C-alpha atoms as a PDB file:
ATOM      1  CA  MET A   1     109.838  67.572 101.062  1.00  0.00           C
ATOM      2  CA  ASP A   2     105.935  67.194 101.809  1.00  0.00           C
ATOM      3  CA  ALA A   3     104.701  67.059 105.138  1.00  0.00           C
ATOM      4  CA  PHE A   4     100.945  65.447 105.602  1.00  0.00           C
ATOM      5  CA  ASP A   5      98.388  66.170 108.308  1.00  0.00           C
ATOM      6  CA  ALA A   6      96.875  62.910 109.881  1.00  0.00           C
ATOM      7  CA  ASP A   7      93.287  63.377 107.985  1.00  0.00           C
ATOM      8  CA  ALA A   8      95.196  63.806 104.576  1.00  0.00           C
ATOM      9  CA  LEU A   9      96.924  60.537 105.241  1.00  0.00           C
ATOM     10  CA  ILE A  10      93.669  58.876 106.257  1.00  0.00           C
ATOM     11  CA  ASP A  11      92.096  60.028 102.842  1.00  0.00           C
ATOM     12  CA  ALA A  12      94.601  58.662 101.043  1.00  0.00           C
ATOM     13  CA  ALA A  13      94.427  55.209 102.244  1.00  0.00           C
ATOM     14  CA  VAL A  14      90.590  55.345 100.973  1.00  0.00           C
ATOM     15  CA  ALA A  15      90.835  53.770  97.751  1.00  0.00           C
ATOM     16  CA  ASP A  16      88.285  55.728  96.106  1.00  0.00           C
ATOM     17  CA  HIS A  17      88.300  58.965  98.050  1.00  0.00           C
ATOM     18  CA  ARG A  18      87.940  62.071  95.456  1.00  0.00           C
ATOM     19  CA  LEU A  19      90.809  63.519  97.379  1.00  0.00           C
ATOM     20  CA  GLY A  20      92.749  60.772  98.606  1.00  0.00           C
ATOM     21  CA  ARG A  21      93.764  59.889  94.973  1.00  0.00           C
ATOM     22  CA  ARG A  22      95.372  63.375  94.706  1.00  0.00           C
ATOM     23  CA  VAL A  23      97.288  62.862  97.925  1.00  0.00           C
ATOM     24  CA  ARG A  24      98.066  59.086  97.341  1.00  0.00           C
ATOM     25  CA  ALA A  25      99.722  60.220  94.024  1.00  0.00           C
ATOM     26  CA  LEU A  26     102.431  62.202  95.772  1.00  0.00           C
ATOM     27  CA  PHE A  27     103.914  59.270  97.549  1.00  0.00           C
ATOM     28  CA  THR A  28     107.332  57.728  96.089  1.00  0.00           C
ATOM     29  CA  PRO A  29     109.152  54.981  97.575  1.00  0.00           C
ATOM     30  CA  ASP A  30     110.619  57.225 100.429  1.00  0.00           C
ATOM     31  CA  PRO A  31     107.708  57.509 102.974  1.00  0.00           C
ATOM     32  CA  PRO A  32     106.765  60.946 103.611  1.00  0.00           C
ATOM     33  CA  SER A  33     106.918  62.875 107.218  1.00  0.00           C
ATOM     34  CA  ALA A  34     103.572  63.288 108.735  1.00  0.00           C
ATOM     35  CA  ALA A  35     102.140  65.969 111.054  1.00  0.00           C
ATOM     36  CA  GLY A  36      98.989  66.523 112.559  1.00  0.00           C
ATOM     37  CA  SER A  37      99.211  69.630 114.506  1.00  0.00           C
ATOM     38  CA  GLU A  38     100.330  73.050 114.661  1.00  0.00           C
ATOM     39  CA  ARG A  39     102.945  72.210 117.369  1.00  0.00           C
ATOM     40  CA  ARG A  40     104.109  69.254 115.162  1.00  0.00           C
ATOM     41  CA  LEU A  41     104.065  71.801 112.209  1.00  0.00           C
ATOM     42  CA  ARG A  42     106.960  73.856 113.788  1.00  0.00           C
ATOM     43  CA  LEU A  43     109.051  70.943 114.379  1.00  0.00           C
ATOM     44  CA  VAL A  44     108.792  69.949 110.627  1.00  0.00           C
ATOM     45  CA  ARG A  45     108.888  73.276 108.964  1.00  0.00           C
ATOM     46  CA  GLY A  46     112.588  73.310 108.953  1.00  0.00           C
ATOM     47  CA  ARG A  47     112.626  70.256 106.602  1.00  0.00           C
ATOM     48  CA  ALA A  48     109.578  70.400 104.524  1.00  0.00           C
ATOM     49  CA  ASP A  49     108.820  72.570 101.951  1.00  0.00           C
ATOM     50  CA  ARG A  50     104.881  71.816 101.720  1.00  0.00           C
ATOM     51  CA  PHE A  51     102.526  70.954 104.539  1.00  0.00           C
ATOM     52  CA  ILE A  52      99.267  69.091 102.842  1.00  0.00           C
ATOM     53  CA  THR A  53      96.220  69.536 105.102  1.00  0.00           C
ATOM     54  CA  ASN A  54      92.156  69.205 104.535  1.00  0.00           C
ATOM     55  CA  ASN A  55      91.981  71.520 107.498  1.00  0.00           C
ATOM     56  CA  ALA A  56      91.845  75.179 106.108  1.00  0.00           C
ATOM     57  CA  THR A  57      90.448  76.484 109.563  1.00  0.00           C
ATOM     58  CA  ASP A  58      93.548  75.609 111.376  1.00  0.00           C
ATOM     59  CA  PHE A  59      95.883  75.849 108.954  1.00  0.00           C
ATOM     60  CA  PRO A  60      95.179  78.747 106.096  1.00  0.00           C
ATOM     61  CA  LYS A  61      97.277  79.647 103.339  1.00  0.00           C
ATOM     62  CA  ALA A  62      98.389  82.795 105.159  1.00  0.00           C
ATOM     63  CA  ILE A  63     100.917  80.682 107.293  1.00  0.00           C
ATOM     64  CA  ALA A  64     104.383  81.907 105.862  1.00  0.00           C
ATOM     65  CA  GLU A  65     106.776  79.765 107.065  1.00  0.00           C
ATOM     66  CA  ILE A  66     105.849  76.684 105.029  1.00  0.00           C
ATOM     67  CA  GLN A  67     103.575  76.230 101.953  1.00  0.00           C
ATOM     68  CA  ILE A  68     100.066  75.200 102.966  1.00  0.00           C
ATOM     69  CA  THR A  69      98.556  72.876 100.287  1.00  0.00           C
ATOM     70  CA  TYR A  70      95.018  71.696 100.059  1.00  0.00           C
ATOM     71  CA  PRO A  71      94.269  68.209  98.724  1.00  0.00           C
ATOM     72  CA  SER A  72      91.739  69.948  96.309  1.00  0.00           C
ATOM     73  CA  ASP A  73      94.847  72.019  94.939  1.00  0.00           C
ATOM     74  CA  LEU A  74      96.784  68.988  93.865  1.00  0.00           C
ATOM     75  CA  PRO A  75      96.278  67.744  90.173  1.00  0.00           C
ATOM     76  CA  GLU A  76      93.894  64.942  89.594  1.00  0.00           C
ATOM     77  CA  PRO A  77      96.389  61.575  89.064  1.00  0.00           C
END
């Protein structure tokens, strides 16, 4: 299951946002979990396999507890 930070979800809501299209393509009929802070990330890590964020400063890929994915890493839909 994926978890999203708020900015990644905001980008997905913009119809022609270059990276938002990639995030939007991940949505299924089941709504995804959303997380917007490191504290919140700790709460979802037991359920989510991947955290999608455009905040590379606060969420480096070196975080071992969950796979950090940036929208630019996602395939073009």
